[in-house]
N, C-alpha and C. Protein backbone atom coordinates (compact mmCIF):
# COMPACT_ATOMS: atom_id res chain seq x y z
N UNK A 1 63.45 159.68 79.77
CA UNK A 1 63.20 157.59 79.35
C UNK A 1 64.70 157.38 78.75
N UNK A 2 65.51 157.82 77.87
CA UNK A 2 66.46 157.44 77.63
C UNK A 2 67.34 157.02 79.05
N UNK A 3 67.46 158.16 79.89
CA UNK A 3 68.01 158.24 80.89
C UNK A 3 67.92 156.84 82.09
N UNK A 4 66.60 156.53 82.05
CA UNK A 4 65.69 155.24 82.61
C UNK A 4 66.88 153.98 82.37
N UNK A 5 66.68 153.80 81.11
CA UNK A 5 67.54 153.34 80.06
C UNK A 5 68.61 152.65 80.72
N UNK A 6 69.38 153.82 80.72
CA UNK A 6 70.70 153.67 80.91
C UNK A 6 71.17 153.88 82.41
N UNK A 7 70.57 153.99 83.40
CA UNK A 7 70.69 153.43 84.21
C UNK A 7 70.14 152.14 84.92
N UNK A 8 69.04 151.51 84.57
CA UNK A 8 68.70 150.11 84.65
C UNK A 8 70.27 149.39 83.55
N UNK A 9 70.86 149.75 82.79
CA UNK A 9 71.42 149.23 81.82
C UNK A 9 72.98 148.89 83.07
N UNK A 10 73.48 150.67 83.47
CA UNK A 10 74.27 150.31 84.31
C UNK A 10 74.34 149.46 85.96
N UNK A 11 73.29 149.79 86.63
CA UNK A 11 73.03 148.60 87.35
C UNK A 11 73.21 147.11 87.06
N UNK A 12 72.79 146.80 85.85
CA UNK A 12 72.86 145.63 85.49
C UNK A 12 74.19 144.55 85.68
N UNK A 13 75.66 145.65 85.45
CA UNK A 13 76.92 145.85 84.88
C UNK A 13 77.55 145.49 86.01
N UNK A 14 76.89 146.51 86.86
CA UNK A 14 77.44 145.91 88.57
C UNK A 14 77.09 145.18 88.91
N UNK A 15 75.65 144.54 89.08
CA UNK A 15 75.31 143.15 89.64
C UNK A 15 76.18 142.27 89.15
N UNK A 16 76.70 142.25 88.21
CA UNK A 16 76.61 140.83 87.16
C UNK A 16 78.43 140.24 88.07
N UNK A 17 79.00 141.59 88.43
CA UNK A 17 80.20 140.63 89.24
C UNK A 17 80.36 140.58 90.41
N UNK A 18 78.98 140.32 90.53
CA UNK A 18 78.60 140.19 92.36
C UNK A 18 78.36 138.72 92.15
N UNK A 19 77.16 138.78 91.12
CA UNK A 19 77.12 136.98 90.89
C UNK A 19 78.04 136.20 90.09
N UNK A 20 78.75 136.71 89.25
CA UNK A 20 80.35 135.67 89.23
C UNK A 20 80.74 135.54 90.40
N UNK A 21 81.17 136.28 91.30
CA UNK A 21 81.66 135.78 92.77
C UNK A 21 80.84 134.68 93.23
N UNK A 22 80.16 135.05 93.72
CA UNK A 22 78.88 133.73 94.28
C UNK A 22 78.87 132.55 93.61
N UNK A 23 78.70 132.37 92.37
CA UNK A 23 79.13 131.42 91.40
C UNK A 23 80.26 130.61 91.79
N UNK A 24 81.25 131.38 91.77
CA UNK A 24 82.66 131.12 92.13
C UNK A 24 83.31 130.62 93.03
N UNK A 25 82.37 130.77 94.64
CA UNK A 25 82.64 131.02 95.75
C UNK A 25 81.53 129.58 96.10
N UNK A 26 80.46 129.17 95.50
CA UNK A 26 79.54 128.35 95.14
C UNK A 26 80.24 126.94 94.57
N UNK A 27 80.84 127.14 93.78
CA UNK A 27 81.86 126.14 93.12
C UNK A 27 82.69 125.58 94.03
N UNK A 28 84.13 126.44 94.35
CA UNK A 28 84.99 125.88 95.62
C UNK A 28 84.28 125.27 96.74
N UNK A 29 82.95 125.75 97.21
CA UNK A 29 82.26 125.15 98.70
C UNK A 29 81.81 123.55 98.15
N UNK A 30 81.71 123.20 97.05
CA UNK A 30 81.11 122.05 96.51
C UNK A 30 82.15 121.26 96.23
N UNK A 31 83.22 121.65 95.95
CA UNK A 31 84.52 121.02 95.67
C UNK A 31 85.41 120.07 96.89
N UNK A 32 84.56 121.66 98.37
CA UNK A 32 85.49 120.94 99.54
C UNK A 32 84.15 120.11 100.32
N UNK A 33 83.17 120.21 99.78
CA UNK A 33 82.54 119.37 100.56
C UNK A 33 82.42 117.54 100.15
N UNK A 34 82.87 117.52 98.42
CA UNK A 34 83.28 116.74 97.81
C UNK A 34 84.17 115.65 98.71
N UNK A 35 85.43 116.75 98.89
CA UNK A 35 86.62 116.46 99.66
C UNK A 35 86.40 115.50 100.84
N UNK A 36 85.51 116.59 101.96
CA UNK A 36 85.02 115.80 103.14
C UNK A 36 84.63 114.88 103.08
N UNK A 37 83.17 114.53 102.04
CA UNK A 37 83.38 113.26 101.94
C UNK A 37 83.20 112.42 101.72
N UNK A 38 84.39 112.33 100.94
CA UNK A 38 85.33 111.37 100.49
C UNK A 38 86.45 110.52 101.57
N UNK A 39 86.60 111.59 102.16
CA UNK A 39 87.76 111.07 103.65
C UNK A 39 86.41 110.34 104.66
N UNK A 40 85.16 111.11 104.36
CA UNK A 40 84.84 110.09 105.57
C UNK A 40 83.81 108.92 104.99
N UNK A 41 84.36 108.71 103.87
CA UNK A 41 84.17 106.60 103.33
C UNK A 41 82.61 106.78 102.93
N UNK A 42 82.03 108.61 103.05
CA UNK A 42 80.70 108.32 102.16
C UNK A 42 80.93 108.17 100.65
N UNK A 43 81.47 108.99 100.14
CA UNK A 43 81.96 108.91 98.65
C UNK A 43 83.15 107.55 98.66
N UNK A 44 82.90 106.68 98.22
CA UNK A 44 84.15 105.97 97.81
C UNK A 44 84.45 105.69 96.45
N UNK A 45 85.35 105.13 96.28
CA UNK A 45 86.33 104.75 95.24
C UNK A 45 85.88 103.71 94.38
N UNK A 46 85.11 103.05 93.53
CA UNK A 46 84.65 102.51 92.52
C UNK A 46 85.95 101.32 92.54
N UNK A 47 86.80 101.93 92.08
CA UNK A 47 88.12 100.97 91.30
C UNK A 47 88.64 100.51 92.86
N UNK A 48 88.38 98.81 92.64
CA UNK A 48 89.76 98.37 94.00
C UNK A 48 91.17 97.84 93.04
N UNK A 49 91.41 98.53 92.25
CA UNK A 49 92.98 98.40 92.14
C UNK A 49 93.84 99.74 92.65
N UNK A 50 95.02 99.66 92.73
CA UNK A 50 96.27 100.22 93.21
C UNK A 50 96.14 101.17 92.79
N UNK A 51 96.05 102.89 93.26
CA UNK A 51 95.82 104.11 92.11
C UNK A 51 96.88 105.11 93.25
N UNK A 52 97.34 105.91 92.53
CA UNK A 52 98.17 106.67 93.02
C UNK A 52 97.27 108.18 93.06
N UNK A 53 97.71 108.63 93.92
CA UNK A 53 96.63 110.31 94.07
C UNK A 53 96.69 111.22 92.98
N UNK A 54 95.61 111.85 92.92
CA UNK A 54 95.18 112.46 92.04
C UNK A 54 94.72 113.13 92.42
N UNK A 55 94.92 114.61 91.69
CA UNK A 55 94.52 116.27 92.26
C UNK A 55 93.43 116.45 91.25
N UNK A 56 92.24 117.53 91.87
CA UNK A 56 91.66 117.71 91.02
C UNK A 56 91.69 119.25 91.59
N UNK A 57 91.67 119.51 90.72
CA UNK A 57 91.93 121.33 90.54
C UNK A 57 90.42 122.07 89.93
N UNK A 58 90.15 123.12 90.82
CA UNK A 58 88.94 124.12 90.44
C UNK A 58 89.47 125.69 90.42
N UNK A 59 88.99 125.78 89.08
CA UNK A 59 89.46 127.18 88.72
C UNK A 59 88.56 128.70 88.72
N UNK A 60 88.54 128.97 90.13
CA UNK A 60 87.25 130.34 89.79
C UNK A 60 88.36 131.42 89.43
N UNK A 61 87.15 132.40 88.53
CA UNK A 61 87.73 133.51 87.79
C UNK A 61 86.76 134.61 89.27
N UNK A 62 87.10 135.52 89.86
CA UNK A 62 85.84 136.57 90.24
C UNK A 62 86.64 137.80 89.69
N UNK A 63 85.15 138.53 89.36
CA UNK A 63 85.49 139.83 88.51
C UNK A 63 84.96 140.55 89.89
N UNK A 64 85.96 141.67 90.05
CA UNK A 64 86.12 142.76 91.25
C UNK A 64 84.44 143.86 90.72
N UNK A 65 84.08 143.66 91.66
CA UNK A 65 83.36 145.49 91.47
C UNK A 65 83.19 146.63 90.72
N UNK A 66 84.27 146.86 90.78
CA UNK A 66 85.07 147.51 89.85
C UNK A 66 85.89 147.11 88.42
N UNK A 67 84.58 147.62 87.38
CA UNK A 67 85.17 146.89 86.07
C UNK A 67 86.14 147.01 85.61
N UNK A 68 87.04 148.32 85.93
CA UNK A 68 88.52 149.36 85.40
C UNK A 68 89.23 147.80 85.60
N UNK A 69 89.43 146.92 86.86
CA UNK A 69 90.06 146.20 87.47
C UNK A 69 90.22 145.01 86.79
N UNK A 70 91.27 144.28 86.45
CA UNK A 70 91.32 142.86 85.64
C UNK A 70 91.05 141.81 86.87
N UNK A 71 89.85 140.93 85.88
CA UNK A 71 89.76 139.51 86.81
C UNK A 71 90.44 139.42 87.18
N UNK A 72 90.47 138.76 88.94
CA UNK A 72 91.40 137.68 89.70
C UNK A 72 90.97 136.83 89.66
N UNK A 73 92.04 136.15 89.15
CA UNK A 73 91.87 133.92 89.19
C UNK A 73 92.42 133.26 90.26
N UNK A 74 92.23 132.63 90.65
CA UNK A 74 92.00 131.50 91.67
C UNK A 74 92.08 129.92 91.48
N UNK A 75 93.00 129.65 91.99
CA UNK A 75 93.00 128.19 91.97
C UNK A 75 92.70 127.12 93.16
N UNK A 76 91.53 126.51 92.93
CA UNK A 76 92.11 125.48 94.34
C UNK A 76 92.58 124.46 94.08
N UNK A 77 93.32 123.59 95.02
CA UNK A 77 93.94 122.28 94.66
C UNK A 77 92.97 121.50 95.52
N UNK A 78 92.93 120.16 95.47
CA UNK A 78 92.16 119.07 96.48
C UNK A 78 92.84 117.89 95.78
N UNK A 79 93.81 117.36 96.45
CA UNK A 79 94.37 115.93 96.39
C UNK A 79 93.71 114.91 97.31
N UNK A 80 93.47 113.54 96.02
CA UNK A 80 92.37 112.80 96.79
C UNK A 80 93.13 111.49 96.84
N UNK A 81 93.72 110.58 97.89
CA UNK A 81 93.95 109.50 97.72
C UNK A 81 93.26 108.19 97.69
N UNK A 82 93.77 107.62 96.66
CA UNK A 82 92.25 106.57 96.60
C UNK A 82 93.30 104.92 97.80
N UNK A 83 92.11 104.22 98.23
CA UNK A 83 93.16 103.24 99.11
C UNK A 83 93.99 102.22 98.28
N UNK A 84 94.66 101.73 98.45
CA UNK A 84 95.40 101.18 98.39
C UNK A 84 95.48 99.68 99.02
N UNK A 85 95.20 98.60 97.59
CA UNK A 85 94.65 96.82 97.84
C UNK A 85 96.24 96.36 98.86
N UNK A 86 95.59 95.31 99.85
CA UNK A 86 96.60 94.64 100.55
C UNK A 86 97.09 93.62 99.56
N UNK A 87 98.33 93.05 99.51
CA UNK A 87 99.24 92.17 98.58
C UNK A 87 98.35 90.78 99.30
N UNK A 88 98.71 90.02 99.27
CA UNK A 88 97.45 88.63 99.23
C UNK A 88 98.07 87.44 99.41
N UNK A 89 98.92 87.01 100.62
CA UNK A 89 99.42 86.07 100.69
C UNK A 89 99.22 84.48 100.03
N UNK A 90 100.34 83.79 99.65
CA UNK A 90 99.72 82.64 98.88
C UNK A 90 99.25 81.40 100.05
N UNK A 91 97.99 80.60 99.68
CA UNK A 91 97.39 79.69 100.70
C UNK A 91 98.42 78.33 100.88
N UNK A 92 98.48 77.96 102.33
CA UNK A 92 99.57 76.88 102.35
C UNK A 92 98.44 75.88 102.04
N UNK A 93 98.60 74.51 101.66
CA UNK A 93 98.40 73.37 101.51
C UNK A 93 98.93 71.98 101.96
N UNK A 94 98.31 70.93 101.72
CA UNK A 94 98.70 69.97 101.92
C UNK A 94 97.86 68.84 100.69
N UNK A 95 98.62 68.30 100.00
CA UNK A 95 97.82 67.30 99.32
C UNK A 95 98.75 66.02 98.52
N UNK A 96 97.92 65.22 98.06
CA UNK A 96 98.52 63.99 97.34
C UNK A 96 99.27 63.18 98.80
N UNK A 97 98.45 62.78 99.87
CA UNK A 97 98.66 61.91 100.64
C UNK A 97 98.64 60.47 99.94
N UNK A 98 99.76 59.44 100.64
CA UNK A 98 99.53 57.99 100.22
C UNK A 98 100.12 57.23 101.36
N UNK A 99 99.97 56.12 101.32
CA UNK A 99 100.23 55.43 102.45
C UNK A 99 100.23 53.80 102.15
N UNK A 100 101.18 53.64 102.33
CA UNK A 100 101.83 52.37 101.75
C UNK A 100 102.18 51.28 102.21
N UNK A 101 102.26 49.97 101.92
CA UNK A 101 102.81 48.81 102.91
C UNK A 101 104.23 48.88 102.95
N UNK A 102 104.92 48.97 101.15
CA UNK A 102 106.20 49.40 100.56
C UNK A 102 106.10 50.78 100.56
N UNK A 103 107.53 50.82 100.65
CA UNK A 103 107.94 52.68 100.01
C UNK A 103 107.35 53.00 99.37
N UNK A 104 106.31 53.52 98.66
CA UNK A 104 105.79 54.44 97.88
C UNK A 104 105.81 54.71 96.69
N UNK A 105 105.43 54.38 95.59
CA UNK A 105 106.01 54.71 94.36
C UNK A 105 105.07 55.26 93.59
N UNK A 106 103.95 55.70 94.06
CA UNK A 106 102.61 55.98 93.30
C UNK A 106 101.69 55.01 92.50
N UNK A 107 101.90 54.08 92.68
CA UNK A 107 101.31 52.76 92.51
C UNK A 107 100.48 52.29 93.39
N UNK A 108 101.11 52.18 94.82
CA UNK A 108 100.76 51.22 96.05
C UNK A 108 100.18 51.82 97.34
N UNK A 109 99.57 52.82 97.05
CA UNK A 109 98.50 53.39 97.92
C UNK A 109 97.27 52.65 98.31
N UNK A 110 97.36 52.43 99.56
CA UNK A 110 96.22 51.87 100.72
C UNK A 110 96.10 52.49 101.61
N UNK A 111 94.79 52.00 102.01
CA UNK A 111 93.70 52.81 103.14
C UNK A 111 93.60 51.28 104.17
N UNK A 112 93.66 50.25 103.81
CA UNK A 112 93.74 49.07 105.04
C UNK A 112 95.12 48.19 104.82
N UNK A 113 95.79 47.32 106.44
CA UNK A 113 96.79 47.01 106.66
C UNK A 113 96.33 45.68 106.91
N UNK A 114 97.13 44.74 107.24
CA UNK A 114 96.80 43.36 107.68
C UNK A 114 96.92 43.56 109.53
N UNK A 115 96.82 42.39 110.07
CA UNK A 115 97.19 42.76 111.64
C UNK A 115 98.02 42.57 111.79
N UNK A 116 98.64 43.71 112.77
CA UNK A 116 100.11 43.32 113.18
C UNK A 116 100.97 44.19 112.74
N UNK A 117 100.67 44.96 111.85
CA UNK A 117 101.47 45.76 110.71
C UNK A 117 102.22 46.76 111.85
N UNK A 118 103.34 46.67 111.25
CA UNK A 118 104.21 47.40 112.40
C UNK A 118 105.05 48.33 111.89
N UNK A 119 105.30 48.74 110.16
CA UNK A 119 105.49 49.92 109.45
C UNK A 119 104.37 50.10 108.28
N UNK A 120 104.24 51.56 108.29
CA UNK A 120 103.47 51.99 107.34
C UNK A 120 104.27 53.49 106.71
N UNK A 121 104.40 52.96 105.30
CA UNK A 121 105.36 53.86 104.66
C UNK A 121 104.33 55.42 104.48
N UNK A 122 104.70 56.82 104.59
CA UNK A 122 103.58 58.15 104.24
C UNK A 122 104.55 58.55 103.24
N UNK A 123 103.63 59.37 102.12
CA UNK A 123 104.33 60.62 101.59
C UNK A 123 103.14 61.40 101.08
N UNK A 124 103.62 62.73 101.22
CA UNK A 124 102.71 63.75 100.35
C UNK A 124 103.21 65.47 99.97
N UNK A 125 102.61 65.84 99.29
CA UNK A 125 103.32 67.17 99.41
C UNK A 125 102.36 68.13 99.80
N UNK A 126 103.29 69.40 99.85
CA UNK A 126 103.16 70.75 100.55
C UNK A 126 103.12 72.04 100.17
N UNK A 127 102.72 73.05 100.01
CA UNK A 127 103.43 73.95 99.45
C UNK A 127 102.58 76.00 100.24
N UNK A 128 103.42 76.27 100.20
CA UNK A 128 102.74 77.59 100.41
C UNK A 128 103.44 77.84 102.39
N UNK A 129 103.86 76.63 103.25
CA UNK A 129 104.11 76.88 104.56
C UNK A 129 105.21 77.68 104.81
N UNK A 130 104.82 78.49 105.24
CA UNK A 130 105.67 79.83 105.62
C UNK A 130 107.04 79.13 106.50
N UNK A 131 107.82 80.29 106.86
CA UNK A 131 108.97 80.20 107.88
C UNK A 131 108.61 80.37 108.79
N UNK A 132 108.60 78.91 110.03
CA UNK A 132 108.42 79.54 111.59
C UNK A 132 107.38 79.40 111.77
N UNK A 133 106.11 78.53 110.50
CA UNK A 133 104.37 78.70 110.92
C UNK A 133 104.79 77.58 112.32
N UNK A 134 103.48 77.60 112.41
CA UNK A 134 103.35 76.63 114.12
C UNK A 134 102.84 75.36 113.18
N UNK A 135 103.78 73.93 113.21
CA UNK A 135 102.95 73.02 112.95
C UNK A 135 103.34 71.77 113.28
N UNK A 136 101.72 70.96 113.78
CA UNK A 136 101.20 69.97 114.41
C UNK A 136 101.19 68.92 113.63
N UNK A 137 101.42 67.49 114.26
CA UNK A 137 101.00 66.66 112.94
C UNK A 137 100.51 65.15 114.40
N UNK A 138 99.74 64.73 114.08
CA UNK A 138 99.22 64.51 115.39
C UNK A 138 98.24 62.75 115.12
N UNK A 139 98.86 61.96 115.49
CA UNK A 139 98.10 60.57 115.52
C UNK A 139 97.89 59.85 116.14
N UNK A 140 96.55 59.60 115.91
CA UNK A 140 95.41 59.61 116.89
C UNK A 140 94.59 57.81 116.94
N UNK A 141 94.55 57.29 118.13
CA UNK A 141 93.55 56.20 117.75
C UNK A 141 92.33 55.92 117.98
N UNK A 142 91.51 55.89 116.75
CA UNK A 142 89.99 56.18 117.11
C UNK A 142 88.84 55.65 117.93
N UNK A 143 89.28 54.19 118.18
CA UNK A 143 88.94 53.40 118.83
C UNK A 143 89.07 53.30 120.54
N UNK A 144 90.86 53.75 120.50
CA UNK A 144 90.92 54.58 122.30
C UNK A 144 90.78 55.80 122.48
N UNK A 145 89.84 56.84 121.05
CA UNK A 145 90.14 57.90 121.72
C UNK A 145 90.92 58.46 122.51
N UNK A 146 92.20 58.65 122.14
CA UNK A 146 93.12 59.18 122.69
C UNK A 146 94.22 59.69 121.16
N UNK A 147 95.34 60.53 121.75
CA UNK A 147 96.32 60.63 121.03
C UNK A 147 97.38 59.91 120.90
N UNK A 148 98.11 59.59 120.15
CA UNK A 148 99.21 58.04 120.23
C UNK A 148 100.76 58.85 120.53
N UNK A 149 100.60 59.35 119.42
CA UNK A 149 101.95 61.07 119.09
C UNK A 149 101.64 61.94 118.23
N UNK A 150 102.27 63.04 118.88
CA UNK A 150 101.77 64.88 118.68
C UNK A 150 103.79 64.90 118.47
N UNK A 151 103.68 65.27 116.78
CA UNK A 151 104.99 66.08 116.55
C UNK A 151 104.64 67.84 116.56
N UNK A 152 105.05 68.60 117.16
CA UNK A 152 105.44 69.85 117.18
C UNK A 152 105.94 70.55 117.19
N UNK A 153 105.99 71.19 115.91
CA UNK A 153 107.55 72.11 115.68
C UNK A 153 107.12 73.63 114.87
N UNK A 154 107.93 74.70 115.24
CA UNK A 154 107.96 75.59 113.89
C UNK A 154 108.68 75.30 112.89
N UNK A 155 108.49 75.36 111.72
CA UNK A 155 108.43 75.06 109.66
C UNK A 155 109.78 75.55 110.24
N UNK A 156 110.75 74.81 109.75
CA UNK A 156 112.53 75.23 109.35
C UNK A 156 112.60 75.82 107.46
N UNK A 157 110.97 75.59 107.04
CA UNK A 157 111.73 75.44 105.60
C UNK A 157 111.93 74.30 105.23
N UNK A 158 111.88 74.03 103.69
CA UNK A 158 111.48 75.16 102.78
C UNK A 158 109.64 75.00 102.84
N UNK A 159 109.12 76.09 102.16
CA UNK A 159 107.63 76.48 102.21
C UNK A 159 106.96 75.37 100.64
N UNK A 160 107.69 75.02 99.77
CA UNK A 160 106.77 73.64 99.11
C UNK A 160 108.22 72.42 98.74
N UNK A 161 107.32 71.53 99.20
CA UNK A 161 108.21 70.21 98.65
C UNK A 161 107.55 69.30 98.99
N UNK A 162 108.01 67.87 99.20
CA UNK A 162 107.78 66.76 99.05
C UNK A 162 108.08 65.81 100.55
N UNK A 163 107.19 65.19 101.43
CA UNK A 163 107.87 64.83 102.64
C UNK A 163 107.31 63.16 102.64
N UNK A 164 108.60 62.33 103.44
CA UNK A 164 108.24 61.04 103.25
C UNK A 164 108.49 60.87 104.67
N UNK A 165 107.46 60.06 105.11
CA UNK A 165 107.63 59.41 106.43
C UNK A 165 107.75 58.05 106.81
N UNK A 166 107.41 57.38 108.28
CA UNK A 166 107.12 56.29 108.91
C UNK A 166 106.45 56.49 109.54
N UNK A 167 105.61 55.35 109.66
CA UNK A 167 104.29 55.23 110.73
C UNK A 167 104.89 53.93 111.63
N UNK A 168 105.45 53.75 113.10
CA UNK A 168 105.36 52.47 113.29
C UNK A 168 105.78 52.60 114.24
N UNK A 169 105.41 50.85 114.87
CA UNK A 169 105.38 50.34 116.05
C UNK A 169 105.71 48.72 116.41
N UNK A 170 107.36 48.59 116.90
CA UNK A 170 107.85 47.04 116.94
C UNK A 170 107.22 46.38 117.25
N UNK A 171 106.37 46.77 117.98
CA UNK A 171 105.36 45.57 118.84
C UNK A 171 103.76 45.54 117.46
N UNK A 172 103.62 46.13 116.71
CA UNK A 172 102.61 46.12 115.68
C UNK A 172 101.83 47.24 116.20
N UNK A 173 101.51 48.34 115.70
CA UNK A 173 100.54 48.83 115.33
C UNK A 173 98.78 48.32 115.84
N UNK A 174 98.17 48.59 116.40
CA UNK A 174 97.07 48.34 117.48
C UNK A 174 95.95 48.58 115.91
N UNK A 175 95.00 47.64 116.29
CA UNK A 175 93.91 47.30 115.35
C UNK A 175 92.74 47.90 115.70
N UNK A 176 92.64 48.51 114.17
CA UNK A 176 91.42 49.72 114.60
C UNK A 176 91.15 50.98 113.21
N UNK A 177 90.22 51.84 113.98
CA UNK A 177 90.79 53.18 112.74
C UNK A 177 91.78 54.06 113.38
N UNK A 178 92.52 54.26 112.25
CA UNK A 178 93.88 55.56 113.09
C UNK A 178 93.06 56.93 112.11
N UNK A 179 93.62 57.73 112.80
CA UNK A 179 93.64 59.21 112.29
C UNK A 179 94.95 60.12 111.87
N UNK A 180 95.46 60.29 110.99
CA UNK A 180 96.47 61.70 110.70
C UNK A 180 95.60 63.20 110.66
N UNK A 181 96.13 63.96 111.55
CA UNK A 181 95.99 65.43 111.00
C UNK A 181 96.82 65.86 111.35
N UNK A 182 97.08 66.85 110.78
CA UNK A 182 97.99 68.13 110.20
C UNK A 182 97.50 69.14 110.46
N UNK A 183 97.87 70.34 111.25
CA UNK A 183 97.47 71.83 111.24
C UNK A 183 98.66 72.33 111.23
N UNK A 184 98.14 73.81 110.63
CA UNK A 184 99.55 74.96 110.48
C UNK A 184 98.97 76.02 110.71
N UNK A 185 99.24 76.70 111.82
CA UNK A 185 98.93 77.99 112.67
C UNK A 185 97.31 77.79 113.11
N UNK A 186 97.49 76.72 113.67
CA UNK A 186 95.67 75.86 113.62
C UNK A 186 94.71 75.92 113.11
N UNK A 187 95.10 75.49 111.63
CA UNK A 187 94.46 75.74 110.78
C UNK A 187 94.54 74.12 109.91
N UNK A 188 93.91 73.33 110.40
CA UNK A 188 93.96 71.97 109.83
C UNK A 188 94.02 72.31 108.03
N UNK A 189 94.91 71.33 107.60
CA UNK A 189 95.25 71.33 106.31
C UNK A 189 95.08 69.67 106.17
N UNK A 190 95.36 68.79 106.65
CA UNK A 190 95.10 67.42 106.19
C UNK A 190 94.71 66.77 106.95
N UNK A 191 93.75 65.55 107.15
CA UNK A 191 93.24 64.86 107.87
C UNK A 191 93.05 63.56 107.44
N UNK A 192 93.32 62.55 107.94
CA UNK A 192 93.64 61.29 106.82
C UNK A 192 93.19 60.40 107.67
N UNK A 193 92.25 59.18 107.35
CA UNK A 193 92.74 57.68 108.30
C UNK A 193 93.11 56.55 107.38
N UNK A 194 93.49 56.07 108.35
CA UNK A 194 93.96 53.92 107.60
C UNK A 194 93.19 53.39 108.83
N UNK A 195 93.12 52.47 108.33
CA UNK A 195 92.52 50.88 108.86
C UNK A 195 93.58 49.59 109.26
N UNK A 196 93.85 49.34 110.41
CA UNK A 196 94.50 48.21 110.53
C UNK A 196 93.57 46.67 111.53
N UNK A 197 93.65 45.90 110.41
CA UNK A 197 93.17 44.61 110.22
C UNK A 197 93.01 43.88 111.62
N UNK A 198 92.30 43.56 112.27
CA UNK A 198 92.57 42.16 113.36
C UNK A 198 92.01 43.17 114.70
N UNK A 199 92.11 42.16 115.97
CA UNK A 199 91.98 42.62 117.27
C UNK A 199 92.81 42.45 118.55
N UNK A 200 93.78 42.68 117.52
CA UNK A 200 95.63 42.91 118.08
C UNK A 200 95.25 44.70 119.61
N UNK A 201 95.98 44.48 120.91
CA UNK A 201 95.73 45.45 121.29
C UNK A 201 96.71 46.37 121.80
N UNK A 202 96.71 47.37 121.39
CA UNK A 202 98.44 47.69 121.85
C UNK A 202 98.39 49.28 122.55
N UNK A 203 98.17 49.37 123.97
CA UNK A 203 97.99 51.13 124.56
C UNK A 203 99.43 51.64 124.95
N UNK A 204 100.27 51.52 124.25
CA UNK A 204 101.69 52.18 124.08
C UNK A 204 101.41 53.70 123.56
N UNK A 205 101.54 54.32 123.86
CA UNK A 205 101.73 56.02 123.08
C UNK A 205 103.16 56.76 123.54
N UNK A 206 103.05 57.94 122.83
CA UNK A 206 104.47 58.32 122.56
C UNK A 206 104.04 59.80 122.94
N UNK A 207 103.37 60.06 122.90
CA UNK A 207 103.08 61.70 123.98
C UNK A 207 103.89 62.74 123.03
N UNK A 208 103.81 63.72 123.40
CA UNK A 208 104.49 65.02 122.39
C UNK A 208 105.63 65.13 122.06
N UNK A 209 106.42 65.18 120.96
CA UNK A 209 107.69 65.18 120.24
C UNK A 209 107.46 66.66 119.92
N UNK A 210 108.86 67.23 120.32
CA UNK A 210 109.64 68.36 119.82
C UNK A 210 109.88 68.26 118.39
N UNK A 211 109.76 68.07 117.43
CA UNK A 211 110.15 67.97 115.82
C UNK A 211 109.45 67.66 114.80
N UNK A 212 109.24 68.12 113.76
CA UNK A 212 108.41 68.18 112.82
C UNK A 212 107.94 66.57 111.83
């Protein structure tokens, strides 16, 4: 009777190291599976900020079958690198457009001009237009449905500032609605219309100009 209980106790202690080994192997397998799922994108990092690589360590202690030997300790390290956020470029824009019969001073802006106006002063502000960006400024006579002049250039800088231009024709600008459009890298940043009174007809046009 006593011998049987002793045998059962001995059998239990011989089985215990095997159970510990199996558990340790399972933990290592779970860690490896988690790493594979993360690399495949199935497990995603919830933080959108830039993060440095983190190190996950799984420590396993494996007991040998022979209980007289000391336990074996192993460490599995998994390096997980979080995605790095891309820098955001500043947004280019054009604003505070004014058109004036005399040089613009902040209080004489207008959108309608007298018959046979020959010169219109303009000013506008811009920012974040990068060096060598493709800039196109086009004047179109809407009543004739044709481009009057187009200025095409690669921006020489600076990236921000104030522009002052004149819009003129010595013979008098044609009556009707005019539209100026400015694009930067094919994106429209400004579209502005002006109206010249009367019935003056002027079909002159100046084509494409290689300047800003």
